[in-house]
């Protein structure tokens, strides 16, 4: 336990210099805390400069991260399962955004054979799973699409007339 002298006297700002109290942090801790933002800013600047001047550092970090995951995959997944988060995040997200649960998503995936409903491509990478396609007006779920088909429909704003114009354009130019 530190002596009382390690804690500075502070003035109450709302009552002037008449009323003082001791700081909750010792002088050394307060000094370190105040220095922290500067140290963070310098570290961030160094990181930004290193990535800008030497982009191979970013790639090296990505390779290290991927390698670590591959070496410790089972342990990482076991911990995630033990915490009960394996499908919980996805289940919560599906319920909030589309009104379906994880079981319904899995049933739809099995019904479609694990493939995109539009192009038939299978999208089973770690980063992406089949996206839930829905009507933005009625919020009705239409099916599961791969990333490319889902963003394509989104970019055409679900407008059938616009899609027909795109088809006509492609047919005319080929």
N, C-alpha and C. Protein backbone atom coordinates (compact mmCIF):
# COMPACT_ATOMS: atom_id res chain seq x y z
N UNK A 1 0.84 -1.18 0.00
CA UNK A 1 0.00 0.00 0.00
C UNK A 1 0.88 1.25 0.00
N UNK A 2 0.52 2.20 -0.84
CA UNK A 2 1.33 3.41 -0.98
C UNK A 2 0.99 4.41 0.12
N UNK A 3 1.96 5.25 0.48
CA UNK A 3 1.67 6.29 1.47
C UNK A 3 0.77 7.37 0.87
N UNK A 4 0.08 8.08 1.72
CA UNK A 4 -0.87 9.11 1.28
C UNK A 4 -0.16 10.20 0.47
N UNK A 5 1.11 10.45 0.77
CA UNK A 5 1.86 11.49 0.06
C UNK A 5 2.03 11.18 -1.43
N UNK A 6 1.83 9.91 -1.82
CA UNK A 6 1.95 9.53 -3.24
C UNK A 6 0.77 10.04 -4.06
N UNK A 7 -0.28 10.50 -3.38
CA UNK A 7 -1.48 10.95 -4.06
C UNK A 7 -1.57 12.48 -3.98
N UNK A 8 -1.62 13.11 -5.16
CA UNK A 8 -1.62 14.57 -5.23
C UNK A 8 -2.93 15.17 -4.72
N UNK A 9 -2.82 16.43 -4.24
CA UNK A 9 -4.02 17.19 -3.91
C UNK A 9 -4.59 17.75 -5.20
N UNK A 10 -5.89 17.62 -5.38
CA UNK A 10 -6.56 18.18 -6.54
C UNK A 10 -7.61 19.17 -6.08
N UNK A 11 -7.86 20.16 -6.90
CA UNK A 11 -8.90 21.14 -6.57
C UNK A 11 -10.19 20.75 -7.28
N UNK A 12 -11.30 21.00 -6.61
CA UNK A 12 -12.60 20.75 -7.25
C UNK A 12 -12.87 21.91 -8.18
N UNK A 13 -13.12 21.63 -9.42
CA UNK A 13 -13.32 22.68 -10.41
C UNK A 13 -14.60 23.47 -10.18
N UNK A 14 -15.61 22.82 -9.66
CA UNK A 14 -16.90 23.51 -9.52
C UNK A 14 -16.97 24.40 -8.28
N UNK A 15 -16.07 24.22 -7.32
CA UNK A 15 -16.16 25.00 -6.08
C UNK A 15 -14.94 25.88 -5.83
N UNK A 16 -14.05 25.94 -6.77
CA UNK A 16 -12.88 26.78 -6.61
C UNK A 16 -11.79 26.11 -5.79
N UNK A 17 -10.79 26.91 -5.38
CA UNK A 17 -9.62 26.36 -4.71
C UNK A 17 -9.82 26.16 -3.22
N UNK A 18 -10.98 26.43 -2.72
CA UNK A 18 -11.22 26.25 -1.30
C UNK A 18 -11.34 24.78 -0.91
N UNK A 19 -11.91 24.00 -1.81
CA UNK A 19 -12.14 22.60 -1.47
C UNK A 19 -11.20 21.70 -2.28
N UNK A 20 -10.40 20.91 -1.57
CA UNK A 20 -9.45 20.02 -2.24
C UNK A 20 -9.73 18.59 -1.84
N UNK A 21 -9.30 17.66 -2.70
CA UNK A 21 -9.36 16.25 -2.35
C UNK A 21 -8.18 15.54 -2.99
N UNK A 22 -7.89 14.35 -2.52
CA UNK A 22 -6.77 13.60 -3.05
C UNK A 22 -7.18 12.86 -4.32
N UNK A 23 -6.25 12.80 -5.26
CA UNK A 23 -6.47 12.07 -6.50
C UNK A 23 -6.62 10.59 -6.20
N UNK A 24 -7.44 9.90 -6.98
CA UNK A 24 -7.64 8.46 -6.78
C UNK A 24 -6.44 7.66 -7.29
N UNK A 25 -5.64 8.27 -8.16
CA UNK A 25 -4.46 7.60 -8.72
C UNK A 25 -3.21 8.19 -8.12
N UNK A 26 -2.21 7.35 -7.90
CA UNK A 26 -0.94 7.87 -7.42
C UNK A 26 -0.27 8.66 -8.55
N UNK A 27 0.71 9.46 -8.23
CA UNK A 27 1.37 10.33 -9.20
C UNK A 27 1.99 9.54 -10.34
N UNK A 28 2.63 8.43 -10.03
CA UNK A 28 3.29 7.62 -11.06
C UNK A 28 2.27 7.04 -12.05
N UNK A 29 1.16 6.54 -11.51
CA UNK A 29 0.12 5.97 -12.38
C UNK A 29 -0.52 7.05 -13.24
N UNK A 30 -0.78 8.21 -12.67
CA UNK A 30 -1.39 9.30 -13.41
C UNK A 30 -0.46 9.74 -14.55
N UNK A 31 0.84 9.83 -14.28
CA UNK A 31 1.83 10.21 -15.29
C UNK A 31 1.84 9.19 -16.43
N UNK A 32 1.83 7.92 -16.07
CA UNK A 32 1.83 6.85 -17.08
C UNK A 32 0.55 6.89 -17.91
N UNK A 33 -0.58 7.15 -17.27
CA UNK A 33 -1.85 7.23 -17.97
C UNK A 33 -1.86 8.39 -18.97
N UNK A 34 -1.32 9.51 -18.56
CA UNK A 34 -1.29 10.68 -19.45
C UNK A 34 -0.35 10.45 -20.63
N UNK A 35 0.69 9.66 -20.44
CA UNK A 35 1.64 9.39 -21.49
C UNK A 35 1.09 8.38 -22.51
N UNK A 36 0.15 7.58 -22.10
CA UNK A 36 -0.36 6.51 -22.95
C UNK A 36 -0.86 6.97 -24.31
N UNK A 37 -1.71 8.00 -24.42
CA UNK A 37 -2.19 8.41 -25.74
C UNK A 37 -1.07 8.80 -26.69
N UNK A 38 -0.04 9.46 -26.17
CA UNK A 38 1.10 9.85 -27.02
C UNK A 38 1.80 8.60 -27.54
N UNK A 39 2.01 7.64 -26.66
CA UNK A 39 2.68 6.41 -27.07
C UNK A 39 1.84 5.68 -28.12
N UNK A 40 0.52 5.66 -27.91
CA UNK A 40 -0.36 5.01 -28.89
C UNK A 40 -0.28 5.72 -30.23
N UNK A 41 -0.30 7.05 -30.21
CA UNK A 41 -0.25 7.82 -31.46
C UNK A 41 1.04 7.56 -32.20
N UNK A 42 2.16 7.52 -31.47
CA UNK A 42 3.44 7.25 -32.11
C UNK A 42 3.47 5.85 -32.69
N UNK A 43 2.95 4.88 -31.97
CA UNK A 43 2.94 3.50 -32.46
C UNK A 43 2.06 3.38 -33.71
N UNK A 44 0.90 4.04 -33.68
CA UNK A 44 0.02 4.01 -34.85
C UNK A 44 0.68 4.66 -36.06
N UNK A 45 1.39 5.76 -35.82
CA UNK A 45 2.08 6.43 -36.93
C UNK A 45 3.17 5.54 -37.51
N UNK A 46 3.92 4.87 -36.62
CA UNK A 46 4.96 3.94 -37.10
C UNK A 46 4.34 2.81 -37.93
N UNK A 47 3.23 2.26 -37.42
CA UNK A 47 2.58 1.17 -38.14
C UNK A 47 2.10 1.65 -39.51
N UNK A 48 1.47 2.83 -39.55
CA UNK A 48 0.96 3.36 -40.80
C UNK A 48 2.10 3.59 -41.79
N UNK A 49 3.20 4.20 -41.30
CA UNK A 49 4.34 4.45 -42.18
C UNK A 49 4.95 3.15 -42.68
N UNK A 50 5.09 2.17 -41.79
CA UNK A 50 5.65 0.89 -42.19
C UNK A 50 4.80 0.21 -43.25
N UNK A 51 3.48 0.26 -43.09
CA UNK A 51 2.60 -0.38 -44.07
C UNK A 51 2.62 0.38 -45.39
N UNK A 52 2.80 1.70 -45.30
CA UNK A 52 2.80 2.51 -46.52
C UNK A 52 4.12 2.34 -47.27
N UNK A 53 5.22 2.39 -46.54
CA UNK A 53 6.53 2.30 -47.17
C UNK A 53 6.88 0.85 -47.51
N UNK A 54 6.50 -0.06 -46.59
CA UNK A 54 6.85 -1.47 -46.79
C UNK A 54 5.58 -2.33 -46.71
N UNK A 55 4.81 -2.43 -47.82
CA UNK A 55 3.56 -3.19 -47.80
C UNK A 55 3.75 -4.69 -47.54
N UNK A 56 4.97 -5.17 -47.71
CA UNK A 56 5.21 -6.60 -47.46
C UNK A 56 5.01 -6.94 -45.98
N UNK A 57 5.09 -5.93 -45.09
CA UNK A 57 4.85 -6.17 -43.67
C UNK A 57 3.41 -6.59 -43.42
N UNK A 58 2.49 -5.97 -44.15
CA UNK A 58 1.08 -6.32 -44.01
C UNK A 58 0.85 -7.75 -44.47
N UNK A 59 1.44 -8.11 -45.58
CA UNK A 59 1.32 -9.47 -46.11
C UNK A 59 1.95 -10.47 -45.16
N UNK A 60 3.10 -10.13 -44.58
CA UNK A 60 3.77 -11.02 -43.63
C UNK A 60 2.91 -11.25 -42.40
N UNK A 61 2.24 -10.20 -41.92
CA UNK A 61 1.36 -10.34 -40.76
C UNK A 61 0.17 -11.25 -41.09
N UNK A 62 -0.36 -11.12 -42.30
CA UNK A 62 -1.47 -11.96 -42.72
C UNK A 62 -1.06 -13.42 -42.79
N UNK A 63 0.13 -13.67 -43.33
CA UNK A 63 0.65 -15.04 -43.43
C UNK A 63 0.87 -15.63 -42.04
N UNK A 64 1.43 -14.82 -41.12
CA UNK A 64 1.64 -15.30 -39.75
C UNK A 64 0.33 -15.67 -39.08
N UNK A 65 -0.66 -14.81 -39.27
CA UNK A 65 -1.97 -15.05 -38.66
C UNK A 65 -2.61 -16.32 -39.21
N UNK A 66 -2.54 -16.49 -40.52
CA UNK A 66 -3.11 -17.68 -41.15
C UNK A 66 -2.38 -18.94 -40.70
N UNK A 67 -1.07 -18.85 -40.62
CA UNK A 67 -0.27 -19.99 -40.18
C UNK A 67 -0.60 -20.37 -38.74
N UNK A 68 -0.75 -19.37 -37.88
CA UNK A 68 -1.09 -19.64 -36.48
C UNK A 68 -2.45 -20.33 -36.40
N UNK A 69 -3.42 -19.83 -37.18
CA UNK A 69 -4.74 -20.43 -37.15
C UNK A 69 -4.69 -21.89 -37.60
N UNK A 70 -3.95 -22.16 -38.68
CA UNK A 70 -3.86 -23.52 -39.19
C UNK A 70 -3.20 -24.46 -38.18
N UNK A 71 -2.20 -23.97 -37.47
CA UNK A 71 -1.51 -24.80 -36.49
C UNK A 71 -2.36 -25.06 -35.25
N UNK A 72 -3.19 -24.09 -34.87
CA UNK A 72 -3.95 -24.19 -33.62
C UNK A 72 -5.46 -24.23 -33.85
N UNK A 73 -5.88 -24.64 -35.05
CA UNK A 73 -7.28 -24.60 -35.45
C UNK A 73 -8.19 -25.35 -34.47
N UNK A 74 -7.83 -26.58 -34.14
CA UNK A 74 -8.67 -27.39 -33.26
C UNK A 74 -8.83 -26.75 -31.88
N UNK A 75 -7.72 -26.24 -31.35
CA UNK A 75 -7.77 -25.61 -30.02
C UNK A 75 -8.65 -24.37 -30.05
N UNK A 76 -8.53 -23.56 -31.11
CA UNK A 76 -9.33 -22.34 -31.24
C UNK A 76 -10.81 -22.69 -31.35
N UNK A 77 -11.14 -23.68 -32.18
CA UNK A 77 -12.54 -24.07 -32.35
C UNK A 77 -13.10 -24.71 -31.09
N UNK A 78 -12.28 -25.48 -30.39
CA UNK A 78 -12.73 -26.10 -29.14
C UNK A 78 -13.07 -25.04 -28.11
N UNK A 79 -12.23 -24.01 -28.02
CA UNK A 79 -12.51 -22.92 -27.09
C UNK A 79 -13.79 -22.19 -27.47
N UNK A 80 -13.98 -21.97 -28.77
CA UNK A 80 -15.19 -21.27 -29.23
C UNK A 80 -16.43 -22.09 -28.89
N UNK A 81 -16.36 -23.40 -29.10
CA UNK A 81 -17.50 -24.26 -28.78
C UNK A 81 -17.75 -24.27 -27.28
N UNK A 82 -16.68 -24.28 -26.48
CA UNK A 82 -16.83 -24.29 -25.03
C UNK A 82 -17.51 -23.01 -24.54
N UNK A 83 -17.25 -21.91 -25.22
CA UNK A 83 -17.89 -20.65 -24.85
C UNK A 83 -19.31 -20.57 -25.37
N UNK A 84 -19.69 -21.53 -26.22
CA UNK A 84 -21.05 -21.55 -26.76
C UNK A 84 -21.28 -20.53 -27.85
N UNK A 85 -20.23 -20.12 -28.55
CA UNK A 85 -20.37 -19.09 -29.57
C UNK A 85 -20.28 -19.63 -30.98
N UNK A 86 -20.24 -20.93 -31.13
CA UNK A 86 -20.01 -21.50 -32.46
C UNK A 86 -21.01 -20.97 -33.49
N UNK A 87 -22.30 -21.07 -33.22
CA UNK A 87 -23.28 -20.58 -34.17
C UNK A 87 -24.17 -19.50 -33.60
N UNK A 88 -23.88 -19.08 -32.40
CA UNK A 88 -24.73 -18.12 -31.71
C UNK A 88 -24.75 -16.76 -32.40
N UNK A 89 -23.58 -16.30 -32.82
CA UNK A 89 -23.49 -14.99 -33.46
C UNK A 89 -24.29 -14.99 -34.75
N UNK A 90 -24.10 -16.04 -35.58
CA UNK A 90 -24.81 -16.12 -36.85
C UNK A 90 -26.31 -16.25 -36.62
N UNK A 91 -26.70 -17.05 -35.64
CA UNK A 91 -28.11 -17.22 -35.32
C UNK A 91 -28.74 -15.88 -34.93
N UNK A 92 -28.08 -15.14 -34.07
CA UNK A 92 -28.59 -13.83 -33.65
C UNK A 92 -28.69 -12.86 -34.82
N UNK A 93 -27.69 -12.87 -35.69
CA UNK A 93 -27.67 -11.97 -36.84
C UNK A 93 -28.80 -12.32 -37.83
N UNK A 94 -28.99 -13.62 -38.09
CA UNK A 94 -30.05 -14.04 -39.00
C UNK A 94 -31.43 -13.67 -38.46
N UNK A 95 -31.61 -13.85 -37.15
CA UNK A 95 -32.90 -13.51 -36.53
C UNK A 95 -33.16 -12.00 -36.62
N UNK A 96 -32.14 -11.20 -36.35
CA UNK A 96 -32.31 -9.75 -36.34
C UNK A 96 -32.54 -9.18 -37.74
N UNK A 97 -31.78 -9.66 -38.72
CA UNK A 97 -31.85 -9.07 -40.06
C UNK A 97 -32.95 -9.65 -40.92
N UNK A 98 -33.17 -10.97 -40.83
CA UNK A 98 -34.07 -11.62 -41.79
C UNK A 98 -35.25 -12.36 -41.16
N UNK A 99 -35.25 -12.50 -39.83
CA UNK A 99 -36.35 -13.17 -39.17
C UNK A 99 -36.31 -14.69 -39.30
N UNK A 100 -35.14 -15.24 -39.61
CA UNK A 100 -34.99 -16.70 -39.66
C UNK A 100 -33.91 -17.10 -38.68
N UNK A 101 -33.93 -18.35 -38.25
CA UNK A 101 -32.89 -18.79 -37.32
C UNK A 101 -31.86 -19.64 -38.07
N UNK A 102 -30.84 -20.06 -37.36
CA UNK A 102 -29.74 -20.82 -37.96
C UNK A 102 -30.23 -22.14 -38.52
N UNK A 103 -31.19 -22.78 -37.84
CA UNK A 103 -31.73 -24.06 -38.32
C UNK A 103 -32.42 -23.86 -39.68
N UNK A 104 -33.18 -22.77 -39.83
CA UNK A 104 -33.85 -22.48 -41.10
C UNK A 104 -32.81 -22.21 -42.20
N UNK A 105 -31.76 -21.48 -41.86
CA UNK A 105 -30.68 -21.21 -42.82
C UNK A 105 -30.05 -22.52 -43.28
N UNK A 106 -29.79 -23.44 -42.36
CA UNK A 106 -29.20 -24.72 -42.70
C UNK A 106 -30.16 -25.56 -43.55
N UNK A 107 -31.47 -25.51 -43.25
CA UNK A 107 -32.45 -26.22 -44.08
C UNK A 107 -32.45 -25.68 -45.51
N UNK A 108 -32.38 -24.34 -45.64
CA UNK A 108 -32.35 -23.73 -46.97
C UNK A 108 -31.09 -24.14 -47.72
N UNK A 109 -29.96 -24.19 -47.01
CA UNK A 109 -28.69 -24.59 -47.63
C UNK A 109 -28.78 -26.03 -48.14
N UNK A 110 -29.33 -26.91 -47.33
CA UNK A 110 -29.48 -28.31 -47.75
C UNK A 110 -30.45 -28.44 -48.93
N UNK A 111 -31.54 -27.68 -48.91
CA UNK A 111 -32.53 -27.73 -49.99
C UNK A 111 -31.92 -27.27 -51.32
N UNK A 112 -31.00 -26.31 -51.24
CA UNK A 112 -30.33 -25.81 -52.44
C UNK A 112 -29.08 -26.61 -52.77
N UNK A 113 -28.77 -27.61 -52.00
CA UNK A 113 -27.58 -28.42 -52.26
C UNK A 113 -26.29 -27.69 -51.94
N UNK A 114 -26.37 -26.67 -51.09
CA UNK A 114 -25.18 -25.90 -50.72
C UNK A 114 -24.68 -25.00 -51.83
N UNK A 115 -25.55 -24.72 -52.82
CA UNK A 115 -25.15 -23.92 -53.98
C UNK A 115 -26.03 -22.69 -54.10
N UNK A 116 -25.53 -21.71 -54.85
CA UNK A 116 -26.26 -20.47 -55.11
C UNK A 116 -27.54 -20.79 -55.88
N UNK A 117 -28.64 -20.17 -55.50
CA UNK A 117 -29.92 -20.41 -56.15
C UNK A 117 -29.96 -19.83 -57.56
N UNK A 118 -29.10 -18.87 -57.84
CA UNK A 118 -29.10 -18.21 -59.14
C UNK A 118 -28.12 -18.84 -60.12
N UNK A 119 -26.85 -18.93 -59.75
CA UNK A 119 -25.83 -19.42 -60.69
C UNK A 119 -25.40 -20.86 -60.43
N UNK A 120 -25.73 -21.41 -59.25
CA UNK A 120 -25.39 -22.80 -58.95
C UNK A 120 -23.97 -23.00 -58.44
N UNK A 121 -23.26 -21.90 -58.17
CA UNK A 121 -21.89 -22.01 -57.68
C UNK A 121 -21.90 -22.29 -56.18
N UNK A 122 -20.96 -23.12 -55.75
CA UNK A 122 -20.86 -23.43 -54.34
C UNK A 122 -19.91 -22.43 -53.69
N UNK A 123 -20.33 -21.85 -52.58
CA UNK A 123 -19.48 -20.87 -51.90
C UNK A 123 -19.29 -21.31 -50.47
N UNK A 124 -18.23 -22.03 -50.24
CA UNK A 124 -17.96 -22.57 -48.91
C UNK A 124 -16.54 -22.23 -48.50
N UNK A 125 -16.24 -20.97 -48.41
CA UNK A 125 -14.91 -20.59 -47.92
C UNK A 125 -15.07 -20.18 -46.47
N UNK A 126 -13.94 -20.05 -45.79
CA UNK A 126 -13.98 -19.64 -44.39
C UNK A 126 -14.53 -18.23 -44.24
N UNK A 127 -14.22 -17.37 -45.20
CA UNK A 127 -14.62 -15.97 -45.08
C UNK A 127 -16.08 -15.75 -45.46
N UNK A 128 -16.59 -16.54 -46.44
CA UNK A 128 -17.94 -16.27 -46.93
C UNK A 128 -18.79 -17.52 -46.91
N UNK A 129 -20.03 -17.32 -46.57
CA UNK A 129 -21.04 -18.36 -46.72
C UNK A 129 -22.10 -17.80 -47.64
N UNK A 130 -23.04 -18.62 -48.04
CA UNK A 130 -24.11 -18.14 -48.92
C UNK A 130 -24.89 -17.02 -48.23
N UNK A 131 -25.16 -15.97 -48.98
CA UNK A 131 -25.85 -14.80 -48.43
C UNK A 131 -27.36 -15.00 -48.52
N UNK A 132 -28.07 -14.47 -47.55
CA UNK A 132 -29.53 -14.54 -47.55
C UNK A 132 -30.05 -13.41 -48.43
N UNK A 133 -30.71 -13.80 -49.54
CA UNK A 133 -31.30 -12.80 -50.44
C UNK A 133 -32.72 -12.53 -49.99
N UNK A 134 -33.10 -11.26 -49.93
CA UNK A 134 -34.44 -10.90 -49.50
C UNK A 134 -34.92 -9.68 -50.27
N UNK A 135 -36.23 -9.55 -50.33
CA UNK A 135 -36.84 -8.39 -50.97
C UNK A 135 -36.77 -7.22 -50.00
N UNK A 136 -36.26 -6.11 -50.45
CA UNK A 136 -36.11 -4.95 -49.57
C UNK A 136 -37.44 -4.25 -49.27
N UNK A 137 -38.44 -4.50 -50.11
CA UNK A 137 -39.75 -3.88 -49.88
C UNK A 137 -40.58 -4.69 -48.90
N UNK A 138 -40.66 -6.02 -49.13
CA UNK A 138 -41.51 -6.87 -48.29
C UNK A 138 -40.74 -7.58 -47.19
N UNK A 139 -39.42 -7.56 -47.24
CA UNK A 139 -38.54 -8.24 -46.29
C UNK A 139 -38.67 -9.77 -46.35
N UNK A 140 -39.28 -10.30 -47.42
CA UNK A 140 -39.45 -11.73 -47.58
C UNK A 140 -38.15 -12.35 -48.08
N UNK A 141 -37.73 -13.45 -47.46
CA UNK A 141 -36.51 -14.15 -47.86
C UNK A 141 -36.78 -14.93 -49.14
N UNK A 142 -35.92 -14.73 -50.16
CA UNK A 142 -36.11 -15.40 -51.45
C UNK A 142 -35.26 -16.64 -51.59
N UNK A 143 -34.08 -16.65 -50.99
CA UNK A 143 -33.19 -17.79 -51.12
C UNK A 143 -31.79 -17.42 -50.70
N UNK A 144 -30.85 -18.33 -50.95
CA UNK A 144 -29.45 -18.11 -50.61
C UNK A 144 -28.66 -17.95 -51.90
N UNK A 145 -27.87 -16.89 -51.96
CA UNK A 145 -27.08 -16.59 -53.16
C UNK A 145 -25.60 -16.46 -52.81
N UNK A 146 -24.76 -16.69 -53.82
CA UNK A 146 -23.33 -16.46 -53.62
C UNK A 146 -23.09 -14.96 -53.54
N UNK A 147 -21.91 -14.58 -53.14
CA UNK A 147 -21.58 -13.17 -52.95
C UNK A 147 -21.79 -12.37 -54.24
N UNK A 148 -21.33 -12.90 -55.37
CA UNK A 148 -21.40 -12.15 -56.63
C UNK A 148 -22.84 -11.92 -57.07
N UNK A 149 -23.66 -12.96 -57.02
CA UNK A 149 -25.07 -12.81 -57.42
C UNK A 149 -25.81 -11.88 -56.47
N UNK A 150 -25.56 -11.99 -55.18
CA UNK A 150 -26.24 -11.15 -54.20
C UNK A 150 -25.89 -9.68 -54.39
N UNK A 151 -24.61 -9.38 -54.57
CA UNK A 151 -24.23 -7.97 -54.77
C UNK A 151 -24.69 -7.47 -56.14
N UNK A 152 -24.72 -8.36 -57.13
CA UNK A 152 -25.21 -7.97 -58.46
C UNK A 152 -26.66 -7.53 -58.40
N UNK A 153 -27.49 -8.35 -57.75
CA UNK A 153 -28.91 -7.97 -57.60
C UNK A 153 -29.04 -6.69 -56.79
N UNK A 154 -28.22 -6.56 -55.76
CA UNK A 154 -28.26 -5.36 -54.94
C UNK A 154 -27.88 -4.12 -55.73
N UNK A 155 -26.88 -4.25 -56.58
CA UNK A 155 -26.46 -3.10 -57.39
C UNK A 155 -27.52 -2.70 -58.42
N UNK A 156 -28.34 -3.67 -58.85
CA UNK A 156 -29.44 -3.34 -59.76
C UNK A 156 -30.71 -2.96 -58.99
N UNK A 157 -30.60 -2.83 -57.67
CA UNK A 157 -31.67 -2.37 -56.79
C UNK A 157 -32.95 -3.18 -56.94
N UNK A 158 -32.83 -4.47 -57.23
CA UNK A 158 -33.96 -5.39 -57.38
C UNK A 158 -34.97 -4.90 -58.43
N UNK A 159 -34.49 -4.13 -59.40
CA UNK A 159 -35.35 -3.57 -60.43
C UNK A 159 -35.33 -4.47 -61.66
N UNK A 160 -36.48 -5.12 -61.95
CA UNK A 160 -36.57 -6.06 -63.07
C UNK A 160 -36.33 -5.35 -64.40
N UNK A 161 -36.87 -4.15 -64.56
CA UNK A 161 -36.70 -3.40 -65.81
C UNK A 161 -35.22 -3.10 -66.05
N UNK A 162 -34.53 -2.73 -65.02
CA UNK A 162 -33.10 -2.43 -65.13
C UNK A 162 -32.30 -3.69 -65.49
N UNK A 163 -32.69 -4.81 -64.92
CA UNK A 163 -32.04 -6.08 -65.25
C UNK A 163 -32.30 -6.47 -66.71
N UNK A 164 -33.52 -6.22 -67.20
CA UNK A 164 -33.83 -6.51 -68.61
C UNK A 164 -32.98 -5.64 -69.54
N UNK A 165 -32.81 -4.38 -69.16
CA UNK A 165 -31.95 -3.49 -69.95
C UNK A 165 -30.51 -3.99 -69.97
N UNK A 166 -30.04 -4.50 -68.83
CA UNK A 166 -28.68 -5.05 -68.76
C UNK A 166 -28.55 -6.27 -69.66
N UNK A 167 -29.56 -7.15 -69.66
CA UNK A 167 -29.54 -8.33 -70.53
C UNK A 167 -29.52 -7.92 -71.99
N UNK A 168 -30.36 -6.95 -72.35
CA UNK A 168 -30.39 -6.46 -73.73
C UNK A 168 -29.04 -5.87 -74.13
N UNK A 169 -28.44 -5.15 -73.24
CA UNK A 169 -27.12 -4.55 -73.48
C UNK A 169 -26.07 -5.64 -73.74
N UNK A 170 -26.08 -6.66 -72.89
CA UNK A 170 -25.10 -7.74 -73.04
C UNK A 170 -25.32 -8.50 -74.35
N UNK A 171 -26.59 -8.77 -74.68
CA UNK A 171 -26.89 -9.49 -75.93
C UNK A 171 -26.49 -8.68 -77.14
N UNK A 172 -26.69 -7.37 -77.10
CA UNK A 172 -26.36 -6.50 -78.23
C UNK A 172 -24.85 -6.37 -78.42
N UNK A 173 -24.11 -6.41 -77.33
CA UNK A 173 -22.66 -6.19 -77.45
C UNK A 173 -21.88 -7.48 -77.70
N UNK A 174 -22.54 -8.63 -77.62
CA UNK A 174 -21.77 -9.88 -77.84
C UNK A 174 -22.02 -10.47 -79.20
